[in-house]
Amino acid sequence: MAGRFLVVGIGNPQRGDDGAGRAVVAWLRGRLPEAVELAVQDGNAAGLFDGFAGAAAVWLVDACVSGQAPGTLQRFDAAAAPLPEALRSCSTHGLGPAQAIELARALGQLPGRCRVHVIEGAEFAPGAGLSPAVAAAVPEVGARIAGEVTAAWRATGADHA
């Protein structure tokens, strides 16, 4: 396999729905080929950019606030095109995933496969847990990512035991 496969759950589990990305990664444990790396990150652009190094494929999953109904799932092929304008500033992380992706693109370091899954959040208060709508979306987006990762992994011809 040329390059590694990485799934990154972004967010802070101590801030309500901001923990959605991390919850998805927890759901994915044991459901992907063993060689696929699972990571959690707070969403800062520098840390995400560093994670792209040597990766053939990256999936990012995060919460956002874009005006959709809580629990709404959106998926973007960030390798093919920049994230929509509405999502470039909806992150709760300041300089975050969208900026890391665009920096990697500008420097020619964006993995050939870069998918971004977002779950519309509703509650971001310190100490809150996931809202019911976001908690219900976690297994759905997890299953979508698992299907994409597994299909891409198998397409490499790598041992996917």
Protein backbone atom coordinates (compact mmCIF):
# COMPACT_ATOMS: atom_id res chain seq x y z
CA MET A 1 0.00 0.00 0.00
CA ALA A 2 1.38 3.41 -0.92
CA GLY A 3 0.74 5.66 2.05
CA ARG A 4 -1.32 5.23 5.14
CA PHE A 5 -5.06 5.52 5.72
CA LEU A 6 -6.15 7.83 8.53
CA VAL A 7 -9.51 8.69 10.11
CA VAL A 8 -9.49 11.72 12.40
CA GLY A 9 -12.28 12.59 14.79
CA ILE A 10 -12.15 16.29 15.56
CA GLY A 11 -13.49 18.12 18.56
CA ASN A 12 -13.75 18.55 22.30
CA PRO A 13 -15.93 16.02 24.12
CA GLN A 14 -16.33 18.46 27.01
CA ARG A 15 -18.29 20.87 24.79
CA GLY A 16 -21.45 19.02 23.84
CA ASP A 17 -21.82 18.31 20.14
CA ASP A 18 -18.24 19.43 19.52
CA GLY A 19 -17.35 15.89 20.61
CA ALA A 20 -19.17 14.30 17.64
CA GLY A 21 -16.01 13.56 15.64
CA ARG A 22 -14.40 11.80 18.57
CA ALA A 23 -17.60 9.82 19.18
CA VAL A 24 -17.54 8.61 15.57
CA VAL A 25 -13.92 7.45 15.94
CA ALA A 26 -14.88 5.57 19.11
CA TRP A 27 -17.73 3.92 17.17
CA LEU A 28 -15.30 2.94 14.38
CA ARG A 29 -12.87 1.09 16.68
CA GLY A 30 -12.85 -2.57 15.69
CA ARG A 31 -14.86 -1.93 12.52
CA LEU A 32 -12.03 -1.07 10.10
CA PRO A 33 -9.00 -2.91 8.72
CA GLU A 34 -6.38 -3.05 11.50
CA ALA A 35 -3.81 -1.00 9.58
CA VAL A 36 -6.16 2.00 9.27
CA GLU A 37 -5.10 4.62 11.81
CA LEU A 38 -7.74 6.17 14.03
CA ALA A 39 -6.92 9.46 15.72
CA VAL A 40 -8.62 12.20 17.66
CA GLN A 41 -7.63 15.82 17.51
CA ASP A 42 -8.83 19.12 18.88
CA GLY A 43 -9.08 20.60 15.38
CA ASN A 44 -6.16 23.00 15.21
CA ALA A 45 -4.94 23.49 11.65
CA ALA A 46 -1.27 22.77 12.37
CA GLY A 47 -1.99 19.42 14.00
CA LEU A 48 -4.30 18.35 11.19
CA PHE A 49 -1.82 19.47 8.53
CA ASP A 50 0.94 17.43 10.19
CA GLY A 51 -1.34 14.39 10.17
CA PHE A 52 -1.62 14.54 6.38
CA ALA A 53 2.11 13.74 5.98
CA GLY A 54 2.57 10.37 4.31
CA ALA A 55 -1.15 9.68 4.10
CA ALA A 56 -2.69 8.30 0.93
CA ALA A 57 -6.20 8.77 2.27
CA VAL A 58 -7.68 10.83 5.09
CA TRP A 59 -11.20 11.04 6.45
CA LEU A 60 -12.06 13.89 8.81
CA VAL A 61 -15.23 13.96 10.88
CA ASP A 62 -16.34 16.98 12.86
CA ALA A 63 -19.33 18.89 14.14
CA CYS A 64 -20.34 22.16 12.52
CA VAL A 65 -22.87 24.94 12.75
CA SER A 66 -24.08 25.79 9.25
CA GLY A 67 -27.78 26.40 9.75
CA GLN A 68 -28.98 22.86 8.98
CA ALA A 69 -31.15 20.85 11.34
CA PRO A 70 -29.20 19.27 14.23
CA GLY A 71 -27.94 15.82 13.28
CA THR A 72 -27.85 16.61 9.54
CA LEU A 73 -24.94 14.82 7.84
CA GLN A 74 -22.90 16.33 5.05
CA ARG A 75 -20.01 14.80 3.11
CA PHE A 76 -17.43 16.54 0.96
CA ASP A 77 -14.62 15.38 -1.31
CA ALA A 78 -11.99 17.89 -0.21
CA ALA A 79 -9.39 16.43 -2.59
CA ALA A 80 -11.58 17.40 -5.54
CA ALA A 81 -12.61 20.89 -4.43
CA PRO A 82 -12.39 23.28 -1.50
CA LEU A 83 -15.06 22.96 1.15
CA PRO A 84 -18.13 25.11 0.46
CA GLU A 85 -17.84 28.67 1.73
CA ALA A 86 -20.56 28.09 4.33
CA LEU A 87 -18.44 25.37 5.94
CA ARG A 88 -15.13 27.21 5.88
CA SER A 89 -16.19 29.36 8.78
CA CYS A 90 -18.66 27.08 10.57
CA SER A 91 -16.03 25.11 12.46
CA THR A 92 -15.87 25.69 16.19
CA HIS A 93 -12.06 25.51 16.01
CA GLY A 94 -11.07 28.91 14.55
CA LEU A 95 -8.27 28.00 12.15
CA GLY A 96 -9.25 24.41 11.70
CA PRO A 97 -9.97 21.66 9.21
CA ALA A 98 -10.79 23.83 6.19
CA GLN A 99 -7.63 25.88 6.62
CA ALA A 100 -5.48 22.75 7.11
CA ILE A 101 -6.91 21.27 3.91
CA GLU A 102 -6.28 24.42 1.90
CA LEU A 103 -2.74 24.79 3.24
CA ALA A 104 -2.00 21.18 2.30
CA ARG A 105 -3.54 21.75 -1.15
CA ALA A 106 -1.45 24.90 -1.72
CA LEU A 107 1.74 23.07 -0.72
CA GLY A 108 0.95 19.97 -2.80
CA GLN A 109 0.64 17.82 0.34
CA LEU A 110 -3.08 17.05 0.35
CA PRO A 111 -3.67 13.29 0.23
CA GLY A 112 -5.20 12.04 -3.01
CA ARG A 113 -8.28 11.01 -1.07
CA CYS A 114 -9.55 13.49 1.52
CA ARG A 115 -13.14 13.17 2.65
CA VAL A 116 -14.79 15.42 5.21
CA HIS A 117 -17.92 14.34 7.04
CA VAL A 118 -19.71 16.85 9.25
CA ILE A 119 -22.60 16.51 11.66
CA GLU A 120 -24.68 19.59 12.33
CA GLY A 121 -24.48 20.34 16.02
CA ALA A 122 -26.95 22.03 18.34
CA GLU A 123 -25.38 22.21 21.82
CA PHE A 124 -21.80 23.35 22.48
CA ALA A 125 -21.96 24.39 26.14
CA PRO A 126 -19.06 23.41 28.40
CA GLY A 127 -19.85 20.21 30.25
CA ALA A 128 -22.73 19.19 27.98
CA GLY A 129 -22.91 15.78 26.31
CA LEU A 130 -23.96 15.08 22.75
CA SER A 131 -27.45 16.28 21.90
CA PRO A 132 -29.94 13.51 21.04
CA ALA A 133 -29.89 14.39 17.31
CA VAL A 134 -26.09 14.27 17.11
CA ALA A 135 -25.85 11.10 19.20
CA ALA A 136 -28.32 9.44 16.81
CA ALA A 137 -26.21 10.52 13.81
CA VAL A 138 -22.95 9.03 15.13
CA PRO A 139 -23.58 5.40 14.04
CA GLU A 140 -24.94 6.54 10.68
CA VAL A 141 -21.90 8.63 9.78
CA GLY A 142 -19.66 5.95 11.30
CA ALA A 143 -21.17 3.31 9.02
CA ARG A 144 -20.75 5.59 6.00
CA ILE A 145 -17.10 6.20 6.81
CA ALA A 146 -16.49 2.50 7.51
CA GLY A 147 -17.93 1.63 4.10
CA GLU A 148 -15.82 4.23 2.30
CA VAL A 149 -12.60 3.34 4.13
CA THR A 150 -13.04 -0.40 3.69
CA ALA A 151 -13.83 -0.08 -0.02
CA ALA A 152 -10.85 2.20 -0.61
CA TRP A 153 -8.58 -0.08 1.42
CA ARG A 154 -9.64 -3.15 -0.55
CA ALA A 155 -9.13 -1.27 -3.82
CA THR A 156 -5.44 -0.86 -2.92
CA GLY A 157 -5.06 -4.64 -2.94
CA ALA A 158 -3.52 -4.44 0.53
CA ASP A 159 -3.89 -7.18 3.08
CA HIS A 160 -6.95 -6.00 4.95
CA ALA A 161 -6.98 -8.54 7.71
